[in-house]
């Protein structure tokens, strides 16, 4: 059945409230003009806009309640639980020097890959605390050439003509 009315898609997307021939779309629960009926992209945008408007209405209703609850809970004074005594951790500085490292070498400190793109040729100094962990790994079809890792000037690990590097150290 066709009659003149406001197309819901045009109204939502173009703010067009003019009367034009429309047909009822049962799945959409909306009246749609003959221009918008085959245009699934416009209909999808209108559907999203309708859903966003519904979310905004709900948020406007529950936001004051959420703010009040947050205020009440943040003002509630609780007794602090006694904290267990901790032994101070002594921090040591370890000077790590990498020589002839291959491209793609991965350096992990405490399971964080933060050094992969930060280390440079020459001496690199990082601060390690007791129980910190250093992991270095590399694997390739090519072989290494005199890769060395020195900690505080002392050679700790050497690889030459190998396809794999696997090194792990927990600092004490």
N, C-alpha and C. Protein backbone atom coordinates (compact mmCIF):
# COMPACT_ATOMS: atom_id res chain seq x y z
N UNK A 1 0.85 -1.17 0.00
CA UNK A 1 0.00 0.00 0.00
C UNK A 1 0.90 1.24 0.00
N UNK A 2 0.63 2.18 -0.89
CA UNK A 2 1.46 3.35 -1.03
C UNK A 2 0.63 4.61 -0.78
N UNK A 3 1.19 5.50 0.02
CA UNK A 3 0.54 6.79 0.22
C UNK A 3 1.61 7.82 0.54
N UNK A 4 1.22 9.10 0.69
CA UNK A 4 2.18 10.17 0.96
C UNK A 4 2.41 10.28 2.46
N UNK A 5 3.69 10.37 2.81
CA UNK A 5 4.08 10.51 4.20
C UNK A 5 5.54 10.93 4.29
N UNK A 6 6.09 10.92 5.50
CA UNK A 6 7.48 11.30 5.73
C UNK A 6 8.34 10.04 5.71
N UNK A 7 9.38 10.06 4.88
CA UNK A 7 10.31 8.93 4.81
C UNK A 7 11.22 8.99 6.04
N UNK A 8 11.27 7.90 6.79
CA UNK A 8 12.06 7.86 8.03
C UNK A 8 13.56 8.00 7.74
N UNK A 9 14.03 7.42 6.63
CA UNK A 9 15.43 7.50 6.27
C UNK A 9 15.81 8.94 5.93
N UNK A 10 15.02 9.59 5.08
CA UNK A 10 15.28 10.99 4.72
C UNK A 10 15.20 11.89 5.95
N UNK A 11 14.26 11.61 6.84
CA UNK A 11 14.11 12.42 8.05
C UNK A 11 15.35 12.31 8.93
N UNK A 12 15.85 11.10 9.13
CA UNK A 12 17.00 10.90 10.00
C UNK A 12 18.30 11.42 9.40
N UNK A 13 18.51 11.16 8.11
CA UNK A 13 19.79 11.50 7.50
C UNK A 13 19.85 12.91 6.93
N UNK A 14 18.72 13.41 6.39
CA UNK A 14 18.72 14.70 5.71
C UNK A 14 17.86 15.74 6.42
N UNK A 15 17.21 15.36 7.47
CA UNK A 15 16.27 16.23 8.18
C UNK A 15 15.17 16.71 7.23
N UNK A 16 14.80 15.83 6.30
CA UNK A 16 13.78 16.11 5.29
C UNK A 16 12.45 15.54 5.79
N UNK A 17 11.53 16.43 6.10
CA UNK A 17 10.22 15.99 6.63
C UNK A 17 9.10 16.26 5.62
N UNK A 18 9.49 16.36 4.35
CA UNK A 18 8.48 16.61 3.31
C UNK A 18 7.68 15.34 3.05
N UNK A 19 6.43 15.56 2.61
CA UNK A 19 5.54 14.43 2.29
C UNK A 19 5.84 13.96 0.88
N UNK A 20 5.99 12.64 0.72
CA UNK A 20 6.26 12.02 -0.57
C UNK A 20 5.69 10.62 -0.55
N UNK A 21 5.60 9.97 -1.71
CA UNK A 21 5.10 8.59 -1.72
C UNK A 21 6.02 7.67 -0.91
N UNK A 22 5.44 6.95 0.05
CA UNK A 22 6.21 6.04 0.90
C UNK A 22 5.51 4.68 0.98
N UNK A 23 6.30 3.67 1.29
CA UNK A 23 5.74 2.34 1.56
C UNK A 23 6.25 1.88 2.91
N UNK A 24 5.50 1.02 3.53
CA UNK A 24 5.86 0.55 4.87
C UNK A 24 6.81 -0.63 4.76
N UNK A 25 7.92 -0.57 5.49
CA UNK A 25 8.88 -1.68 5.55
C UNK A 25 8.69 -2.34 6.91
N UNK A 26 8.18 -3.56 6.88
CA UNK A 26 7.87 -4.26 8.13
C UNK A 26 9.12 -4.58 8.97
N UNK A 27 10.22 -5.12 8.38
CA UNK A 27 11.41 -5.40 9.19
C UNK A 27 12.01 -4.14 9.83
N UNK A 28 11.90 -3.01 9.11
CA UNK A 28 12.45 -1.75 9.63
C UNK A 28 11.47 -1.03 10.55
N UNK A 29 10.21 -1.40 10.46
CA UNK A 29 9.14 -0.73 11.20
C UNK A 29 9.18 0.78 10.90
N UNK A 30 9.25 1.09 9.58
CA UNK A 30 9.36 2.49 9.17
C UNK A 30 8.76 2.67 7.79
N UNK A 31 8.33 3.92 7.52
CA UNK A 31 7.86 4.30 6.19
C UNK A 31 9.05 4.80 5.42
N UNK A 32 9.24 4.27 4.17
CA UNK A 32 10.43 4.58 3.38
C UNK A 32 9.99 5.00 1.97
N UNK A 33 10.63 6.07 1.45
CA UNK A 33 10.30 6.55 0.11
C UNK A 33 10.91 5.64 -0.95
N UNK A 34 10.46 5.81 -2.20
CA UNK A 34 10.94 4.93 -3.27
C UNK A 34 12.41 5.17 -3.62
N UNK A 35 12.96 6.34 -3.29
CA UNK A 35 14.38 6.59 -3.53
C UNK A 35 15.25 5.86 -2.50
N UNK A 36 14.81 5.80 -1.26
CA UNK A 36 15.61 5.17 -0.20
C UNK A 36 15.41 3.66 -0.11
N UNK A 37 14.30 3.18 -0.65
CA UNK A 37 13.99 1.75 -0.51
C UNK A 37 15.09 0.84 -1.08
N UNK A 38 15.65 1.10 -2.27
CA UNK A 38 16.71 0.21 -2.77
C UNK A 38 18.10 0.54 -2.23
N UNK A 39 18.25 1.69 -1.57
CA UNK A 39 19.57 2.14 -1.10
C UNK A 39 19.84 1.58 0.30
N UNK A 40 20.45 0.39 0.35
CA UNK A 40 20.68 -0.29 1.62
C UNK A 40 21.69 0.44 2.50
N UNK A 41 22.61 1.17 1.89
CA UNK A 41 23.60 1.91 2.68
C UNK A 41 22.91 3.02 3.46
N UNK A 42 22.05 3.80 2.79
CA UNK A 42 21.32 4.86 3.50
C UNK A 42 20.42 4.27 4.59
N UNK A 43 19.79 3.17 4.27
CA UNK A 43 18.90 2.54 5.26
C UNK A 43 19.70 2.06 6.47
N UNK A 44 20.92 1.52 6.20
CA UNK A 44 21.79 1.07 7.29
C UNK A 44 22.24 2.25 8.16
N UNK A 45 22.59 3.37 7.52
CA UNK A 45 22.98 4.56 8.28
C UNK A 45 21.83 5.06 9.14
N UNK A 46 20.63 5.03 8.58
CA UNK A 46 19.45 5.47 9.35
C UNK A 46 19.21 4.55 10.54
N UNK A 47 19.40 3.26 10.33
CA UNK A 47 19.23 2.30 11.43
C UNK A 47 20.24 2.58 12.55
N UNK A 48 21.51 2.82 12.17
CA UNK A 48 22.52 3.13 13.17
C UNK A 48 22.18 4.40 13.93
N UNK A 49 21.72 5.42 13.20
CA UNK A 49 21.37 6.68 13.84
C UNK A 49 20.22 6.47 14.83
N UNK A 50 19.25 5.64 14.46
CA UNK A 50 18.13 5.34 15.35
C UNK A 50 18.62 4.65 16.62
N UNK A 51 19.52 3.69 16.45
CA UNK A 51 20.05 2.97 17.62
C UNK A 51 20.87 3.90 18.51
N UNK A 52 21.65 4.80 17.91
CA UNK A 52 22.43 5.75 18.70
C UNK A 52 21.52 6.69 19.48
N UNK A 53 20.42 7.11 18.86
CA UNK A 53 19.48 7.97 19.57
C UNK A 53 18.88 7.24 20.76
N UNK A 54 18.61 5.95 20.60
CA UNK A 54 18.07 5.15 21.71
C UNK A 54 19.09 5.06 22.83
N UNK A 55 20.35 4.84 22.49
CA UNK A 55 21.40 4.75 23.50
C UNK A 55 21.54 6.09 24.23
N UNK A 56 21.48 7.20 23.49
CA UNK A 56 21.59 8.52 24.11
C UNK A 56 20.45 8.76 25.10
N UNK A 57 19.23 8.35 24.72
CA UNK A 57 18.09 8.52 25.62
C UNK A 57 18.29 7.73 26.91
N UNK A 58 18.76 6.49 26.78
CA UNK A 58 18.98 5.65 27.95
C UNK A 58 20.08 6.26 28.82
N UNK A 59 21.15 6.73 28.19
CA UNK A 59 22.26 7.33 28.95
C UNK A 59 21.80 8.57 29.71
N UNK A 60 20.94 9.38 29.08
CA UNK A 60 20.43 10.57 29.77
C UNK A 60 19.61 10.19 30.99
N UNK A 61 18.94 9.05 30.93
CA UNK A 61 18.13 8.61 32.06
C UNK A 61 18.96 8.02 33.18
N UNK A 62 20.00 7.25 32.84
CA UNK A 62 20.75 6.58 33.90
C UNK A 62 21.97 7.36 34.37
N UNK A 63 22.43 8.36 33.60
CA UNK A 63 23.62 9.10 33.97
C UNK A 63 23.52 9.76 35.34
N UNK A 64 22.42 10.43 35.68
CA UNK A 64 22.35 11.03 37.03
C UNK A 64 22.47 9.98 38.14
N UNK A 65 21.88 8.82 37.92
CA UNK A 65 21.94 7.75 38.94
C UNK A 65 23.39 7.27 39.08
N UNK A 66 24.08 7.10 37.97
CA UNK A 66 25.47 6.65 38.01
C UNK A 66 26.34 7.67 38.72
N UNK A 67 26.12 8.95 38.44
CA UNK A 67 26.91 10.01 39.09
C UNK A 67 26.67 10.00 40.59
N UNK A 68 25.43 9.86 41.01
CA UNK A 68 25.12 9.82 42.44
C UNK A 68 25.78 8.62 43.10
N UNK A 69 25.70 7.45 42.44
CA UNK A 69 26.32 6.26 43.02
C UNK A 69 27.84 6.41 43.11
N UNK A 70 28.45 6.96 42.08
CA UNK A 70 29.89 7.18 42.13
C UNK A 70 30.26 8.14 43.25
N UNK A 71 29.47 9.18 43.43
CA UNK A 71 29.73 10.14 44.49
C UNK A 71 29.60 9.47 45.87
N UNK A 72 28.56 8.67 46.05
CA UNK A 72 28.35 8.02 47.34
C UNK A 72 29.49 7.05 47.66
N UNK A 73 29.91 6.27 46.67
CA UNK A 73 30.97 5.30 46.92
C UNK A 73 32.33 5.96 47.08
N UNK A 74 32.55 7.08 46.41
CA UNK A 74 33.85 7.74 46.55
C UNK A 74 33.95 8.48 47.88
N UNK A 75 32.82 8.86 48.45
CA UNK A 75 32.84 9.56 49.73
C UNK A 75 32.88 8.61 50.92
N UNK A 76 32.60 7.35 50.68
CA UNK A 76 32.58 6.38 51.77
C UNK A 76 33.99 6.18 52.29
N UNK A 77 34.17 6.44 53.57
CA UNK A 77 35.49 6.33 54.19
C UNK A 77 35.66 4.90 54.70
N UNK A 78 36.65 4.24 54.16
CA UNK A 78 36.94 2.89 54.63
C UNK A 78 38.27 2.91 55.36
N UNK A 79 38.39 2.00 56.28
CA UNK A 79 39.64 1.89 57.00
C UNK A 79 40.66 1.20 56.10
N UNK A 80 41.85 1.74 56.09
CA UNK A 80 42.91 1.13 55.32
C UNK A 80 43.36 -0.15 56.00
N UNK A 81 43.49 -1.19 55.20
CA UNK A 81 43.99 -2.44 55.74
C UNK A 81 45.49 -2.28 55.99
N UNK A 82 45.96 -2.89 57.06
CA UNK A 82 47.41 -2.80 57.29
C UNK A 82 48.16 -3.48 56.16
N UNK A 83 49.21 -2.81 55.70
CA UNK A 83 49.99 -3.35 54.60
C UNK A 83 51.13 -4.18 55.16
N UNK A 84 51.40 -5.31 54.51
CA UNK A 84 52.50 -6.14 55.00
C UNK A 84 53.83 -5.40 54.80
N UNK A 85 54.73 -5.66 55.72
CA UNK A 85 56.05 -5.04 55.63
C UNK A 85 56.78 -5.59 54.41
N UNK A 86 57.39 -4.70 53.67
CA UNK A 86 58.13 -5.13 52.49
C UNK A 86 59.60 -4.82 52.69
N UNK A 87 60.40 -5.69 52.18
CA UNK A 87 61.85 -5.45 52.26
C UNK A 87 62.24 -4.58 51.08
N UNK A 88 63.04 -3.59 51.33
CA UNK A 88 63.42 -2.72 50.22
C UNK A 88 64.23 -3.49 49.18
N UNK A 89 63.94 -3.18 47.92
CA UNK A 89 64.65 -3.83 46.82
C UNK A 89 65.84 -2.97 46.44
N UNK A 90 66.98 -3.59 46.42
CA UNK A 90 68.18 -2.87 46.02
C UNK A 90 68.22 -2.84 44.51
N UNK A 91 68.43 -1.65 43.97
CA UNK A 91 68.48 -1.52 42.53
C UNK A 91 69.94 -1.45 42.09
N UNK A 92 70.27 -2.28 41.13
CA UNK A 92 71.61 -2.30 40.56
C UNK A 92 71.54 -1.78 39.14
N UNK A 93 72.60 -1.21 38.67
CA UNK A 93 72.69 -0.79 37.28
C UNK A 93 73.61 -1.74 36.56
N UNK A 94 73.08 -2.34 35.50
CA UNK A 94 73.87 -3.25 34.69
C UNK A 94 74.08 -2.60 33.33
N UNK A 95 75.34 -2.50 32.92
CA UNK A 95 75.70 -1.94 31.63
C UNK A 95 75.71 -3.07 30.62
N UNK A 96 74.75 -3.05 29.69
CA UNK A 96 74.64 -4.12 28.70
C UNK A 96 75.20 -3.62 27.37
N UNK A 97 76.14 -4.39 26.83
CA UNK A 97 76.78 -4.02 25.56
C UNK A 97 76.54 -5.14 24.56
N UNK A 98 76.00 -4.78 23.39
CA UNK A 98 75.72 -5.76 22.34
C UNK A 98 76.64 -5.46 21.16
N UNK A 99 77.37 -6.46 20.70
CA UNK A 99 78.26 -6.29 19.55
C UNK A 99 77.81 -7.23 18.44
N UNK A 100 77.80 -6.73 17.22
CA UNK A 100 77.49 -7.51 16.01
C UNK A 100 76.13 -8.21 16.11
N UNK A 101 75.12 -7.49 16.59
CA UNK A 101 73.84 -8.16 16.70
C UNK A 101 73.17 -8.20 15.33
N UNK A 102 72.47 -9.30 15.02
CA UNK A 102 71.85 -9.47 13.71
C UNK A 102 70.54 -8.68 13.61
N UNK A 103 70.15 -8.40 12.36
CA UNK A 103 68.89 -7.71 12.14
C UNK A 103 67.73 -8.57 12.60
N UNK A 104 66.77 -7.97 13.29
CA UNK A 104 65.61 -8.70 13.80
C UNK A 104 65.80 -9.26 15.19
N UNK A 105 66.92 -8.95 15.84
CA UNK A 105 67.16 -9.41 17.20
C UNK A 105 66.08 -8.85 18.12
N UNK A 106 65.51 -9.68 18.96
CA UNK A 106 64.46 -9.23 19.88
C UNK A 106 65.00 -9.22 21.30
N UNK A 107 64.79 -8.10 21.99
CA UNK A 107 65.23 -7.96 23.37
C UNK A 107 63.99 -7.72 24.22
N UNK A 108 63.82 -8.54 25.23
CA UNK A 108 62.66 -8.45 26.12
C UNK A 108 63.16 -8.18 27.54
N UNK A 109 62.56 -7.21 28.19
CA UNK A 109 62.85 -6.97 29.61
C UNK A 109 61.55 -7.18 30.37
N UNK A 110 61.56 -8.12 31.30
CA UNK A 110 60.37 -8.48 32.07
C UNK A 110 59.17 -8.74 31.17
N UNK A 111 59.39 -9.51 30.11
CA UNK A 111 58.35 -9.93 29.16
C UNK A 111 57.76 -8.78 28.36
N UNK A 112 58.44 -7.63 28.29
CA UNK A 112 57.97 -6.50 27.51
C UNK A 112 58.93 -6.28 26.36
N UNK A 113 58.37 -6.23 25.15
CA UNK A 113 59.19 -6.10 23.95
C UNK A 113 59.54 -4.65 23.66
N UNK A 114 59.78 -3.86 24.70
CA UNK A 114 59.96 -2.43 24.52
C UNK A 114 61.29 -2.06 23.90
N UNK A 115 62.24 -2.97 23.85
CA UNK A 115 63.56 -2.59 23.36
C UNK A 115 63.81 -2.99 21.91
N UNK A 116 62.89 -3.70 21.30
CA UNK A 116 63.15 -4.21 19.96
C UNK A 116 63.58 -3.12 18.99
N UNK A 117 62.96 -1.97 19.08
CA UNK A 117 63.29 -0.90 18.14
C UNK A 117 64.07 0.23 18.81
N UNK A 118 64.55 0.05 20.03
CA UNK A 118 65.19 1.14 20.75
C UNK A 118 66.69 0.95 20.93
N UNK A 119 67.19 -0.28 20.93
CA UNK A 119 68.61 -0.46 21.19
C UNK A 119 69.42 -0.04 19.96
N UNK A 120 70.64 0.37 20.19
CA UNK A 120 71.50 0.85 19.12
C UNK A 120 72.85 0.16 19.24
N UNK A 121 73.64 0.35 18.22
CA UNK A 121 75.00 -0.20 18.28
C UNK A 121 75.76 0.41 19.44
N UNK A 122 76.72 -0.32 19.95
CA UNK A 122 77.54 0.21 21.04
C UNK A 122 76.96 -0.17 22.38
N UNK A 123 77.24 0.66 23.36
CA UNK A 123 76.86 0.36 24.72
C UNK A 123 75.46 0.88 25.01
N UNK A 124 74.66 0.02 25.59
CA UNK A 124 73.32 0.39 26.03
C UNK A 124 73.23 0.12 27.52
N UNK A 125 72.77 1.08 28.29
CA UNK A 125 72.68 0.91 29.74
C UNK A 125 71.22 0.85 30.15
N UNK A 126 70.87 -0.15 30.90
CA UNK A 126 69.52 -0.31 31.42
C UNK A 126 69.62 -0.59 32.91
N UNK A 127 68.65 -0.11 33.66
CA UNK A 127 68.62 -0.35 35.11
C UNK A 127 67.79 -1.59 35.39
N UNK A 128 68.38 -2.53 36.12
CA UNK A 128 67.68 -3.73 36.50
C UNK A 128 67.64 -3.82 38.01
N UNK A 129 66.51 -4.34 38.52
CA UNK A 129 66.38 -4.59 39.95
C UNK A 129 66.47 -6.10 40.16
N UNK A 130 66.59 -6.49 41.40
CA UNK A 130 66.62 -7.90 41.72
C UNK A 130 65.35 -8.56 41.17
N UNK A 131 65.51 -9.70 40.55
CA UNK A 131 64.45 -10.52 39.96
C UNK A 131 63.98 -10.00 38.60
N UNK A 132 64.57 -8.92 38.08
CA UNK A 132 64.25 -8.50 36.71
C UNK A 132 64.84 -9.52 35.75
N UNK A 133 64.19 -9.65 34.58
CA UNK A 133 64.60 -10.69 33.65
C UNK A 133 64.89 -10.09 32.28
N UNK A 134 65.97 -10.52 31.67
CA UNK A 134 66.36 -10.12 30.32
C UNK A 134 66.31 -11.35 29.42
N UNK A 135 65.61 -11.23 28.29
CA UNK A 135 65.53 -12.32 27.33
C UNK A 135 65.89 -11.77 25.96
N UNK A 136 66.76 -12.48 25.26
CA UNK A 136 67.16 -12.09 23.91
C UNK A 136 66.94 -13.30 23.02
N UNK A 137 66.27 -13.07 21.87
CA UNK A 137 66.03 -14.19 20.96
C UNK A 137 66.16 -13.73 19.52
N UNK A 138 66.55 -14.69 18.66
CA UNK A 138 66.70 -14.44 17.24
C UNK A 138 66.72 -15.76 16.52
N UNK A 139 66.11 -15.82 15.35
CA UNK A 139 66.13 -17.04 14.55
C UNK A 139 66.09 -16.62 13.09
N UNK A 140 66.95 -17.23 12.26
CA UNK A 140 67.02 -16.84 10.85
C UNK A 140 67.65 -17.95 10.03
N UNK A 141 67.46 -17.85 8.72
CA UNK A 141 68.14 -18.78 7.83
C UNK A 141 69.61 -18.41 7.68
N UNK A 142 69.95 -17.17 8.02
CA UNK A 142 71.33 -16.71 7.98
C UNK A 142 71.99 -16.99 9.32
N UNK A 143 73.30 -16.93 9.34
CA UNK A 143 74.02 -17.20 10.59
C UNK A 143 74.56 -15.91 11.17
N UNK A 144 74.82 -15.94 12.47
CA UNK A 144 75.37 -14.78 13.17
C UNK A 144 76.87 -14.69 12.91
N UNK A 145 77.41 -13.53 13.14
CA UNK A 145 78.86 -13.33 13.03
C UNK A 145 79.33 -12.66 14.31
N UNK A 146 79.91 -13.41 15.19
CA UNK A 146 80.52 -12.89 16.43
C UNK A 146 79.58 -12.03 17.27
N UNK A 147 78.34 -12.49 17.47
CA UNK A 147 77.44 -11.77 18.37
C UNK A 147 77.94 -11.93 19.80
N UNK A 148 78.01 -10.82 20.54
CA UNK A 148 78.46 -10.86 21.93
C UNK A 148 77.56 -10.00 22.79
N UNK A 149 77.34 -10.47 24.00
CA UNK A 149 76.62 -9.70 25.00
C UNK A 149 77.52 -9.60 26.23
N UNK A 150 77.80 -8.37 26.62
CA UNK A 150 78.63 -8.14 27.81
C UNK A 150 77.80 -7.39 28.84
N UNK A 151 77.94 -7.82 30.08
CA UNK A 151 77.29 -7.16 31.20
C UNK A 151 78.38 -6.63 32.11
N UNK A 152 78.36 -5.32 32.32
CA UNK A 152 79.39 -4.64 33.11
C UNK A 152 80.79 -4.99 32.64
N UNK A 153 80.96 -5.04 31.30
CA UNK A 153 82.28 -5.27 30.73
C UNK A 153 82.71 -6.72 30.66
N UNK A 154 81.92 -7.64 31.20
CA UNK A 154 82.29 -9.05 31.21
C UNK A 154 81.44 -9.78 30.17
N UNK A 155 82.10 -10.51 29.27
CA UNK A 155 81.36 -11.24 28.24
C UNK A 155 80.53 -12.32 28.91
N UNK A 156 79.23 -12.28 28.64
CA UNK A 156 78.31 -13.22 29.28
C UNK A 156 77.74 -14.21 28.27
N UNK A 157 77.75 -13.85 26.98
CA UNK A 157 77.14 -14.72 25.98
C UNK A 157 77.78 -14.43 24.63
N UNK A 158 78.14 -15.48 23.88
CA UNK A 158 78.77 -15.34 22.57
C UNK A 158 78.11 -16.32 21.62
N UNK A 159 77.83 -15.87 20.39
CA UNK A 159 77.30 -16.74 19.33
C UNK A 159 78.05 -16.43 18.06
N UNK A 160 78.47 -17.47 17.34
CA UNK A 160 79.14 -17.28 16.07
C UNK A 160 78.71 -18.39 15.11
N UNK A 161 78.33 -18.03 13.90
CA UNK A 161 77.90 -18.98 12.86
C UNK A 161 76.77 -19.88 13.34
N UNK A 162 75.73 -19.28 13.89
CA UNK A 162 74.58 -20.05 14.33
C UNK A 162 73.31 -19.41 13.77
N UNK A 163 72.25 -20.21 13.69
CA UNK A 163 70.97 -19.72 13.17
C UNK A 163 70.03 -19.23 14.28
N UNK A 164 70.39 -19.50 15.52
CA UNK A 164 69.51 -19.17 16.64
C UNK A 164 70.29 -18.48 17.75
N UNK A 165 69.62 -17.53 18.39
CA UNK A 165 70.14 -16.95 19.63
C UNK A 165 69.02 -17.08 20.66
N UNK A 166 69.35 -17.66 21.78
CA UNK A 166 68.39 -17.80 22.86
C UNK A 166 69.13 -17.54 24.18
N UNK A 167 68.83 -16.43 24.80
CA UNK A 167 69.54 -16.03 26.02
C UNK A 167 68.51 -15.54 27.03
N UNK A 168 68.68 -15.93 28.28
CA UNK A 168 67.79 -15.46 29.34
C UNK A 168 68.58 -15.33 30.63
N UNK A 169 68.35 -14.23 31.33
CA UNK A 169 69.07 -14.00 32.59
C UNK A 169 68.13 -13.32 33.56
N UNK A 170 68.14 -13.80 34.79
CA UNK A 170 67.43 -13.14 35.88
C UNK A 170 68.48 -12.48 36.76
N UNK A 171 68.33 -11.17 36.95
CA UNK A 171 69.34 -10.43 37.71
C UNK A 171 69.11 -10.63 39.21
N UNK A 172 70.21 -10.74 39.90
CA UNK A 172 70.15 -10.99 41.36
C UNK A 172 70.86 -9.91 42.11
